[in-house]
């Protein structure tokens, strides 16, 4: 396995570990979410069903994404096209996340610690996925 492949596996597993931790946030009591919200300097936690639903669902989606990153890390050669797509999607989503954070308005420290980092990870995924040696294509049945 090349240096770039090992680095890609490391990056995918690190990302998988960090985003999988969001699984635990699904089960946080509302009081804990409210206290954390206030501790972060975001004021009173909005006591609304939609807030509770979206908070838990986004945590669930992060956890699912974490699992996907682990699966992709098991065979970076085979999954290189999907990793390349994920990297490009990260770049686009990171730009969108930055815009949403500024529009919301989220605290500047939050916006700068989320969107630009998502873009940076996306750029790394694209760069590394392009360095991975692809396995030869399987022959197509009926062609010879």
N, C-alpha and C. Protein backbone atom coordinates (compact mmCIF):
# COMPACT_ATOMS: atom_id res chain seq x y z
N UNK A 1 0.86 -1.18 0.00
CA UNK A 1 0.00 0.00 0.00
C UNK A 1 0.90 1.24 0.00
N UNK A 2 0.60 2.18 -0.87
CA UNK A 2 1.43 3.38 -1.00
C UNK A 2 1.21 4.33 0.17
N UNK A 3 2.10 5.30 0.29
CA UNK A 3 1.97 6.33 1.33
C UNK A 3 0.64 7.06 1.21
N UNK A 4 0.25 7.42 -0.01
CA UNK A 4 -0.99 8.15 -0.22
C UNK A 4 -2.21 7.32 0.18
N UNK A 5 -2.15 6.02 -0.11
CA UNK A 5 -3.26 5.15 0.28
C UNK A 5 -3.35 5.02 1.80
N UNK A 6 -2.21 4.88 2.47
CA UNK A 6 -2.21 4.81 3.93
C UNK A 6 -2.73 6.11 4.54
N UNK A 7 -2.34 7.23 3.96
CA UNK A 7 -2.81 8.52 4.45
C UNK A 7 -4.32 8.67 4.24
N UNK A 8 -4.79 8.19 3.11
CA UNK A 8 -6.23 8.24 2.83
C UNK A 8 -7.01 7.36 3.80
N UNK A 9 -6.50 6.17 4.06
CA UNK A 9 -7.14 5.28 5.05
C UNK A 9 -7.18 5.96 6.41
N UNK A 10 -6.07 6.57 6.82
CA UNK A 10 -6.02 7.27 8.10
C UNK A 10 -7.05 8.39 8.16
N UNK A 11 -7.11 9.20 7.11
CA UNK A 11 -8.04 10.33 7.07
C UNK A 11 -9.50 9.84 7.12
N UNK A 12 -9.80 8.80 6.37
CA UNK A 12 -11.16 8.25 6.38
C UNK A 12 -11.52 7.69 7.76
N UNK A 13 -10.60 6.99 8.39
CA UNK A 13 -10.89 6.41 9.71
C UNK A 13 -10.96 7.47 10.79
N UNK A 14 -10.13 8.49 10.69
CA UNK A 14 -10.22 9.60 11.65
C UNK A 14 -11.57 10.30 11.50
N UNK A 15 -11.94 10.61 10.27
CA UNK A 15 -13.24 11.23 10.02
C UNK A 15 -14.39 10.33 10.44
N UNK A 16 -14.24 9.03 10.18
CA UNK A 16 -15.27 8.08 10.59
C UNK A 16 -15.44 8.04 12.09
N UNK A 17 -14.32 8.06 12.80
CA UNK A 17 -14.38 8.05 14.27
C UNK A 17 -15.06 9.31 14.80
N UNK A 18 -14.61 10.46 14.31
CA UNK A 18 -15.16 11.73 14.82
C UNK A 18 -16.64 11.88 14.51
N UNK A 19 -17.04 11.56 13.28
CA UNK A 19 -18.45 11.75 12.94
C UNK A 19 -19.34 10.67 13.54
N UNK A 20 -18.79 9.48 13.78
CA UNK A 20 -19.59 8.43 14.43
C UNK A 20 -19.93 8.79 15.87
N UNK A 21 -19.11 9.60 16.49
CA UNK A 21 -19.40 10.03 17.86
C UNK A 21 -20.73 10.77 17.97
N UNK A 22 -21.19 11.32 16.86
CA UNK A 22 -22.48 12.03 16.87
C UNK A 22 -23.63 11.09 17.22
N UNK A 23 -23.42 9.79 17.09
CA UNK A 23 -24.45 8.82 17.46
C UNK A 23 -24.93 9.06 18.89
N UNK A 24 -24.01 9.38 19.80
CA UNK A 24 -24.38 9.56 21.20
C UNK A 24 -25.24 10.80 21.41
N UNK A 25 -25.09 11.80 20.54
CA UNK A 25 -25.89 13.02 20.67
C UNK A 25 -27.37 12.76 20.37
N UNK A 26 -27.66 11.71 19.65
CA UNK A 26 -29.06 11.38 19.36
C UNK A 26 -29.82 11.16 20.66
N UNK A 27 -29.15 10.60 21.64
CA UNK A 27 -29.79 10.17 22.89
C UNK A 27 -29.64 11.17 24.03
N UNK A 28 -29.00 12.32 23.76
CA UNK A 28 -28.83 13.31 24.83
C UNK A 28 -30.19 13.81 25.34
N UNK A 29 -30.33 13.94 26.64
CA UNK A 29 -31.55 14.56 27.15
C UNK A 29 -31.66 16.01 26.67
N UNK A 30 -32.86 16.46 26.47
CA UNK A 30 -33.11 17.83 26.01
C UNK A 30 -32.44 18.84 26.95
N UNK A 31 -32.45 18.55 28.25
CA UNK A 31 -31.84 19.46 29.22
C UNK A 31 -30.33 19.60 28.98
N UNK A 32 -29.68 18.51 28.61
CA UNK A 32 -28.25 18.56 28.32
C UNK A 32 -27.99 19.36 27.05
N UNK A 33 -28.81 19.16 26.03
CA UNK A 33 -28.67 19.96 24.80
C UNK A 33 -28.88 21.44 25.10
N UNK A 34 -29.87 21.76 25.93
CA UNK A 34 -30.15 23.16 26.27
C UNK A 34 -28.99 23.77 27.04
N UNK A 35 -28.43 23.03 27.99
CA UNK A 35 -27.30 23.54 28.78
C UNK A 35 -26.07 23.76 27.89
N UNK A 36 -25.84 22.83 26.97
CA UNK A 36 -24.70 22.97 26.04
C UNK A 36 -24.90 24.17 25.13
N UNK A 37 -26.12 24.34 24.64
CA UNK A 37 -26.46 25.48 23.78
C UNK A 37 -26.16 26.79 24.49
N UNK A 38 -26.56 26.89 25.72
CA UNK A 38 -26.31 28.12 26.49
C UNK A 38 -24.83 28.27 26.81
N UNK A 39 -24.15 27.16 27.16
CA UNK A 39 -22.73 27.20 27.48
C UNK A 39 -21.91 27.68 26.29
N UNK A 40 -22.35 27.34 25.07
CA UNK A 40 -21.66 27.78 23.86
C UNK A 40 -21.92 29.25 23.53
N UNK A 41 -22.75 29.90 24.34
CA UNK A 41 -23.02 31.32 24.13
C UNK A 41 -24.07 31.59 23.09
N UNK A 42 -24.95 30.63 22.83
CA UNK A 42 -25.97 30.79 21.80
C UNK A 42 -27.33 31.16 22.37
N UNK A 43 -27.36 31.51 23.64
CA UNK A 43 -28.63 31.94 24.25
C UNK A 43 -29.47 30.76 24.67
N UNK A 44 -30.75 31.04 24.88
CA UNK A 44 -31.69 30.01 25.32
C UNK A 44 -31.96 29.02 24.19
N UNK A 45 -32.02 27.76 24.55
CA UNK A 45 -32.30 26.70 23.58
C UNK A 45 -33.76 26.78 23.15
N UNK A 46 -34.02 26.82 21.85
CA UNK A 46 -35.42 26.89 21.39
C UNK A 46 -36.17 25.60 21.73
N UNK A 47 -37.16 25.70 22.57
CA UNK A 47 -37.96 24.53 22.97
C UNK A 47 -39.06 24.31 21.94
N UNK A 48 -38.71 23.65 20.85
CA UNK A 48 -39.67 23.40 19.78
C UNK A 48 -39.44 21.99 19.24
N UNK A 49 -40.50 21.29 18.87
CA UNK A 49 -40.33 19.94 18.33
C UNK A 49 -39.38 19.88 17.13
N UNK A 50 -39.46 20.88 16.25
CA UNK A 50 -38.60 20.86 15.06
C UNK A 50 -37.13 20.97 15.44
N UNK A 51 -36.80 21.79 16.43
CA UNK A 51 -35.41 21.91 16.88
C UNK A 51 -34.90 20.58 17.40
N UNK A 52 -35.70 19.93 18.24
CA UNK A 52 -35.32 18.64 18.80
C UNK A 52 -35.16 17.60 17.68
N UNK A 53 -36.09 17.57 16.77
CA UNK A 53 -36.07 16.62 15.66
C UNK A 53 -34.83 16.83 14.79
N UNK A 54 -34.59 18.06 14.34
CA UNK A 54 -33.48 18.33 13.44
C UNK A 54 -32.12 18.10 14.10
N UNK A 55 -32.03 18.42 15.38
CA UNK A 55 -30.78 18.20 16.10
C UNK A 55 -30.45 16.71 16.15
N UNK A 56 -31.44 15.91 16.48
CA UNK A 56 -31.20 14.47 16.59
C UNK A 56 -31.01 13.82 15.21
N UNK A 57 -31.77 14.26 14.23
CA UNK A 57 -31.63 13.69 12.89
C UNK A 57 -30.28 14.04 12.26
N UNK A 58 -29.81 15.27 12.46
CA UNK A 58 -28.49 15.62 11.90
C UNK A 58 -27.40 14.83 12.60
N UNK A 59 -27.55 14.58 13.90
CA UNK A 59 -26.58 13.72 14.60
C UNK A 59 -26.61 12.32 14.02
N UNK A 60 -27.79 11.81 13.73
CA UNK A 60 -27.92 10.48 13.13
C UNK A 60 -27.27 10.41 11.76
N UNK A 61 -27.45 11.45 10.96
CA UNK A 61 -26.84 11.46 9.63
C UNK A 61 -25.32 11.53 9.72
N UNK A 62 -24.81 12.29 10.67
CA UNK A 62 -23.35 12.32 10.88
C UNK A 62 -22.85 10.93 11.26
N UNK A 63 -23.57 10.24 12.13
CA UNK A 63 -23.16 8.90 12.54
C UNK A 63 -23.17 7.93 11.36
N UNK A 64 -24.19 8.01 10.51
CA UNK A 64 -24.26 7.16 9.31
C UNK A 64 -23.08 7.46 8.40
N UNK A 65 -22.77 8.74 8.24
CA UNK A 65 -21.62 9.14 7.42
C UNK A 65 -20.33 8.57 7.98
N UNK A 66 -20.21 8.57 9.31
CA UNK A 66 -19.03 7.99 9.94
C UNK A 66 -18.87 6.53 9.59
N UNK A 67 -19.97 5.79 9.62
CA UNK A 67 -19.91 4.38 9.23
C UNK A 67 -19.50 4.20 7.78
N UNK A 68 -20.02 5.06 6.91
CA UNK A 68 -19.65 5.00 5.49
C UNK A 68 -18.15 5.24 5.32
N UNK A 69 -17.60 6.19 6.05
CA UNK A 69 -16.16 6.45 5.94
C UNK A 69 -15.34 5.23 6.33
N UNK A 70 -15.78 4.52 7.37
CA UNK A 70 -15.08 3.28 7.74
C UNK A 70 -15.16 2.25 6.63
N UNK A 71 -16.32 2.08 6.02
CA UNK A 71 -16.46 1.11 4.92
C UNK A 71 -15.54 1.50 3.76
N UNK A 72 -15.52 2.78 3.41
CA UNK A 72 -14.66 3.23 2.31
C UNK A 72 -13.18 2.98 2.61
N UNK A 73 -12.81 3.07 3.89
CA UNK A 73 -11.40 2.89 4.26
C UNK A 73 -10.94 1.44 4.12
N UNK A 74 -11.86 0.50 3.96
CA UNK A 74 -11.48 -0.91 3.87
C UNK A 74 -10.86 -1.28 2.52
N UNK A 75 -11.14 -0.48 1.49
CA UNK A 75 -10.58 -0.77 0.16
C UNK A 75 -10.56 0.53 -0.65
N UNK A 76 -9.55 1.36 -0.38
CA UNK A 76 -9.51 2.68 -1.02
C UNK A 76 -9.29 2.59 -2.52
N UNK A 77 -8.70 1.52 -2.99
CA UNK A 77 -8.54 1.37 -4.44
C UNK A 77 -9.90 1.13 -5.10
N UNK A 78 -10.63 0.20 -4.59
CA UNK A 78 -11.94 -0.12 -5.17
C UNK A 78 -12.92 1.04 -5.03
N UNK A 79 -12.87 1.73 -3.89
CA UNK A 79 -13.84 2.79 -3.62
C UNK A 79 -13.33 4.19 -4.00
N UNK A 80 -12.20 4.26 -4.70
CA UNK A 80 -11.63 5.56 -5.06
C UNK A 80 -12.62 6.48 -5.78
N UNK A 81 -13.42 6.00 -6.74
CA UNK A 81 -14.38 6.91 -7.38
C UNK A 81 -15.41 7.47 -6.40
N UNK A 82 -15.86 6.66 -5.47
CA UNK A 82 -16.82 7.13 -4.47
C UNK A 82 -16.16 8.11 -3.49
N UNK A 83 -14.91 7.84 -3.13
CA UNK A 83 -14.16 8.75 -2.26
C UNK A 83 -13.95 10.09 -2.97
N UNK A 84 -13.67 10.04 -4.27
CA UNK A 84 -13.52 11.26 -5.06
C UNK A 84 -14.82 12.06 -5.05
N UNK A 85 -15.94 11.38 -5.24
CA UNK A 85 -17.25 12.06 -5.17
C UNK A 85 -17.47 12.67 -3.79
N UNK A 86 -17.18 11.90 -2.74
CA UNK A 86 -17.37 12.39 -1.38
C UNK A 86 -16.51 13.62 -1.12
N UNK A 87 -15.29 13.61 -1.63
CA UNK A 87 -14.42 14.77 -1.49
C UNK A 87 -15.00 16.00 -2.17
N UNK A 88 -15.49 15.83 -3.40
CA UNK A 88 -16.09 16.96 -4.13
C UNK A 88 -17.35 17.44 -3.41
N UNK A 89 -18.15 16.50 -2.89
CA UNK A 89 -19.35 16.88 -2.15
C UNK A 89 -18.98 17.63 -0.87
N UNK A 90 -17.89 17.22 -0.21
CA UNK A 90 -17.43 17.94 0.98
C UNK A 90 -17.06 19.38 0.64
N UNK A 91 -16.38 19.56 -0.46
CA UNK A 91 -15.98 20.91 -0.86
C UNK A 91 -17.23 21.78 -1.04
N UNK A 92 -18.20 21.28 -1.79
CA UNK A 92 -19.43 22.05 -2.02
C UNK A 92 -20.18 22.27 -0.71
N UNK A 93 -20.31 21.23 0.10
CA UNK A 93 -21.04 21.35 1.35
C UNK A 93 -20.34 22.28 2.33
N UNK A 94 -19.01 22.25 2.36
CA UNK A 94 -18.27 23.14 3.24
C UNK A 94 -18.49 24.60 2.89
N UNK A 95 -18.56 24.89 1.60
CA UNK A 95 -18.83 26.26 1.15
C UNK A 95 -20.25 26.66 1.58
N UNK A 96 -21.19 25.74 1.37
CA UNK A 96 -22.58 26.00 1.77
C UNK A 96 -22.68 26.17 3.29
N UNK A 97 -22.00 25.31 4.04
CA UNK A 97 -22.04 25.39 5.51
C UNK A 97 -21.49 26.73 6.00
N UNK A 98 -20.45 27.23 5.35
CA UNK A 98 -19.91 28.53 5.72
C UNK A 98 -20.94 29.62 5.47
N UNK A 99 -21.58 29.58 4.32
CA UNK A 99 -22.62 30.57 4.01
C UNK A 99 -23.79 30.49 4.96
N UNK A 100 -24.23 29.28 5.28
CA UNK A 100 -25.34 29.11 6.21
C UNK A 100 -24.95 29.61 7.59
N UNK A 101 -23.73 29.30 8.02
CA UNK A 101 -23.26 29.77 9.33
C UNK A 101 -23.23 31.28 9.43
N UNK A 102 -22.82 31.93 8.35
CA UNK A 102 -22.79 33.40 8.34
C UNK A 102 -24.19 33.98 8.29
N UNK A 103 -25.08 33.32 7.57
CA UNK A 103 -26.46 33.81 7.42
C UNK A 103 -27.28 33.59 8.69
N UNK A 104 -27.01 32.53 9.44
CA UNK A 104 -27.86 32.10 10.55
C UNK A 104 -28.15 33.14 11.64
N UNK A 105 -27.34 33.93 12.16
CA UNK A 105 -25.88 33.91 12.19
C UNK A 105 -25.37 33.07 13.36
N UNK A 106 -24.51 32.13 13.05
CA UNK A 106 -23.83 31.35 14.08
C UNK A 106 -22.65 32.18 14.58
N UNK A 107 -22.13 31.86 15.76
CA UNK A 107 -20.92 32.54 16.21
C UNK A 107 -19.81 32.35 15.18
N UNK A 108 -19.00 33.37 14.97
CA UNK A 108 -17.95 33.30 13.95
C UNK A 108 -17.00 32.13 14.20
N UNK A 109 -16.68 31.85 15.46
CA UNK A 109 -15.77 30.74 15.76
C UNK A 109 -16.37 29.42 15.28
N UNK A 110 -17.69 29.29 15.37
CA UNK A 110 -18.37 28.06 14.93
C UNK A 110 -18.27 27.94 13.41
N UNK A 111 -18.62 29.01 12.73
CA UNK A 111 -18.62 29.02 11.27
C UNK A 111 -17.24 28.71 10.71
N UNK A 112 -16.21 29.34 11.30
CA UNK A 112 -14.85 29.14 10.80
C UNK A 112 -14.27 27.78 11.18
N UNK A 113 -14.81 27.15 12.23
CA UNK A 113 -14.30 25.84 12.62
C UNK A 113 -15.07 24.71 11.94
N UNK A 114 -16.10 25.03 11.17
CA UNK A 114 -16.87 23.99 10.50
C UNK A 114 -16.68 24.03 8.98
N UNK A 115 -17.23 25.01 8.32
CA UNK A 115 -17.22 25.06 6.85
C UNK A 115 -15.84 24.96 6.23
N UNK A 116 -14.88 25.82 6.61
CA UNK A 116 -13.55 25.73 6.00
C UNK A 116 -12.86 24.39 6.24
N UNK A 117 -13.10 23.76 7.38
CA UNK A 117 -12.50 22.46 7.65
C UNK A 117 -13.13 21.38 6.77
N UNK A 118 -14.42 21.48 6.54
CA UNK A 118 -15.08 20.52 5.64
C UNK A 118 -14.50 20.65 4.24
N UNK A 119 -14.27 21.88 3.80
CA UNK A 119 -13.65 22.11 2.49
C UNK A 119 -12.24 21.51 2.47
N UNK A 120 -11.47 21.75 3.53
CA UNK A 120 -10.09 21.23 3.59
C UNK A 120 -10.07 19.71 3.53
N UNK A 121 -10.95 19.06 4.26
CA UNK A 121 -11.02 17.60 4.21
C UNK A 121 -11.42 17.15 2.81
N UNK A 122 -12.37 17.85 2.20
CA UNK A 122 -12.78 17.52 0.83
C UNK A 122 -11.62 17.62 -0.15
N UNK A 123 -10.85 18.68 -0.04
CA UNK A 123 -9.69 18.84 -0.92
C UNK A 123 -8.69 17.71 -0.71
N UNK A 124 -8.46 17.33 0.55
CA UNK A 124 -7.54 16.23 0.84
C UNK A 124 -8.07 14.92 0.26
N UNK A 125 -9.37 14.66 0.40
CA UNK A 125 -9.94 13.43 -0.14
C UNK A 125 -9.80 13.37 -1.66
N UNK A 126 -10.08 14.49 -2.33
CA UNK A 126 -9.96 14.54 -3.79
C UNK A 126 -8.51 14.29 -4.20
N UNK A 127 -7.60 14.99 -3.56
CA UNK A 127 -6.19 14.86 -3.91
C UNK A 127 -5.70 13.42 -3.70
N UNK A 128 -6.02 12.86 -2.53
CA UNK A 128 -5.56 11.51 -2.22
C UNK A 128 -6.24 10.45 -3.09
N UNK A 129 -7.53 10.61 -3.34
CA UNK A 129 -8.25 9.63 -4.18
C UNK A 129 -7.68 9.61 -5.60
N UNK A 130 -7.19 10.74 -6.07
CA UNK A 130 -6.58 10.79 -7.41
C UNK A 130 -5.21 10.13 -7.44
N UNK A 131 -4.58 10.00 -6.27
CA UNK A 131 -3.25 9.38 -6.18
C UNK A 131 -3.33 7.85 -6.05
N UNK A 132 -4.51 7.35 -5.75
CA UNK A 132 -4.68 5.91 -5.51
C UNK A 132 -4.61 5.15 -6.82
N UNK A 133 -3.86 4.05 -6.80
CA UNK A 133 -3.78 3.19 -7.98
C UNK A 133 -5.08 2.40 -8.10
N UNK A 134 -5.74 2.52 -9.23
CA UNK A 134 -7.03 1.85 -9.46
C UNK A 134 -6.81 0.40 -9.88
N UNK A 135 -7.66 -0.51 -9.41
CA UNK A 135 -7.56 -1.89 -9.90
C UNK A 135 -8.00 -1.95 -11.35
N UNK A 136 -7.53 -2.94 -12.09
CA UNK A 136 -7.97 -3.05 -13.49
C UNK A 136 -9.48 -3.29 -13.55
N UNK A 137 -10.10 -2.75 -14.58
CA UNK A 137 -11.55 -2.90 -14.74
C UNK A 137 -11.88 -4.35 -15.05
N UNK A 138 -12.99 -4.79 -14.47
CA UNK A 138 -13.45 -6.17 -14.71
C UNK A 138 -14.00 -6.26 -16.13
N UNK A 139 -13.78 -7.38 -16.78
CA UNK A 139 -14.34 -7.52 -18.16
C UNK A 139 -15.87 -7.52 -18.11
N UNK A 140 -16.45 -6.95 -19.13
CA UNK A 140 -17.90 -6.88 -19.24
C UNK A 140 -18.40 -8.16 -19.91
N UNK A 141 -19.40 -8.80 -19.32
CA UNK A 141 -19.94 -10.05 -19.87
C UNK A 141 -20.46 -9.82 -21.29
N UNK A 142 -20.17 -10.75 -22.18
CA UNK A 142 -20.67 -10.65 -23.53
C UNK A 142 -19.73 -9.93 -24.48
N UNK A 143 -18.69 -9.34 -23.95
CA UNK A 143 -17.71 -8.66 -24.82
C UNK A 143 -16.44 -9.50 -24.83
N UNK A 144 -15.88 -9.64 -25.91
CA UNK A 144 -14.72 -10.49 -25.91
C UNK A 144 -13.81 -10.15 -26.96
